Amino acid sequence: MSLYRSIITSIIISIFSANLTAQSVTPFKLGSFSDDGRVFVGAVLENNTVIDITSANVSIALGEIYVASPIDMKDLINRYDAGLRVRIIEIINSVNSDTADSRPSYVYNLNDLKILPPIMYPRTMMNTALNYTEHALEMEDVRDDGVDGSAAPGYATPGTSRPASIWEPSSGDRRWNPYMFIKLPSAIIAHGESIQVPQGREQIDWECELGVVIGKTAKSVRPGYAADYIFGYTLEMDVSDREGRGDTRYGSDWLIGKSRDTFAPLGPFITPKEFISDPTDLDIKFVLNGRTMQDSNTNLMIHNVFEQVVYASNIATLLPGDVLATGTPSGVGSARTPPIYLKAGDRTSCSYEGVGTLENSVVDAN
């Protein structure tokens, strides 16, 4: 594409996007789906209708600009602000104008499709540990790791230093640095798939978390600019094996504890950030077999979603489609008396207000 054409296209997108902003836009989510083995990216309406974006893009008359169909979710995220958002809204408006009797072939009932993980697979998936004060408190009784508990959870003990250029909060901010770890993308499964309890392991726990989906390359993001790098929000169940490695070498073993196969249910969809007015004030609920186990709000995070983007991006460059899981509130199974752990036959439900509900069953691994 020539420079002149690129400039003209950008101007058209900006004008059309401004017009859309002034109008009401039907809220939508985005997901990845399979229809008899054919994989596609879809726009989800009312949590029951799915539009195949690629097929619709080919079938519906062109609008203001030509936009190539997305290859997958990462491609969609990459080009969302370069015309795909505008085109998706055009497609949704066209579908909304159709009558039920004339619904086109690229519109599906959600129940007729297989839901896949929305991103297959993030290059980087980071999780934040002990990011809610009450969860940090409940885990103090579970851990026996010699941690100095003289300060309030989330706040640094006297003499704590901060690594230069990674986390530099304002003067007087006494919080610990965020504690983040890598969770392997190979652990990802979809909404509706089964968490597998490894043979011989009996302390498998739940952690219901909000996932931040990165929208553009983020490196050394400065405070106050993190929102510009967020594409949207999804859900992750940070399934955790609390039994550890069986010896005391080198402290915690995050590989065994967090990255076993099936230990990262993700989805079911991504809600673009434009439809989440305030990610720092979302109700949270985790339900196990019909019983509410976690009931909280993101306003209780020690480090909010924006601070976590800043911190993570100052350690590793984040790319579109990468996911940050932002911690879990209190109510995990290992902190209960007696402890409650996941077992075959259980059904889990992780919900964040406005983002959705991620449901999975539990089975024994073969």
Foldseek 3Di string as FASTA:
>chain_A
DDPVVLVVLLVLLVVLVVVVVVPDFQFWFKFWWAQPRDIAIWTHHPNWKTARQQVLLVVDDDDSDRDHGAPALLSCLQCVSSCVVSSVRVSVVVQVPDDPVCRDPRMDTPVNIGFWFRDPFFPWEKEWEQFFQQAQVLCVVVDDFPDDPPDRRQFDDPPDDDDPLQDDDDPPDGGDDTDMDTADRQQETEFAEAQADEPPADAKKWFKFKKWFFRAKFALDDPPCQVVGTFFIWIWIQIFRSPADPDCPPHGDCCNTGHDHNRIYIGSTTGGPVQPPDQQFKWKWKDKPNHTQDTGTSVRTSQHPSSVSNNVNHPPIGHGGYMYTYTGYDRMQVSDVVGDHDEAPMKMWIDIPPHGIGIHGYHHDD
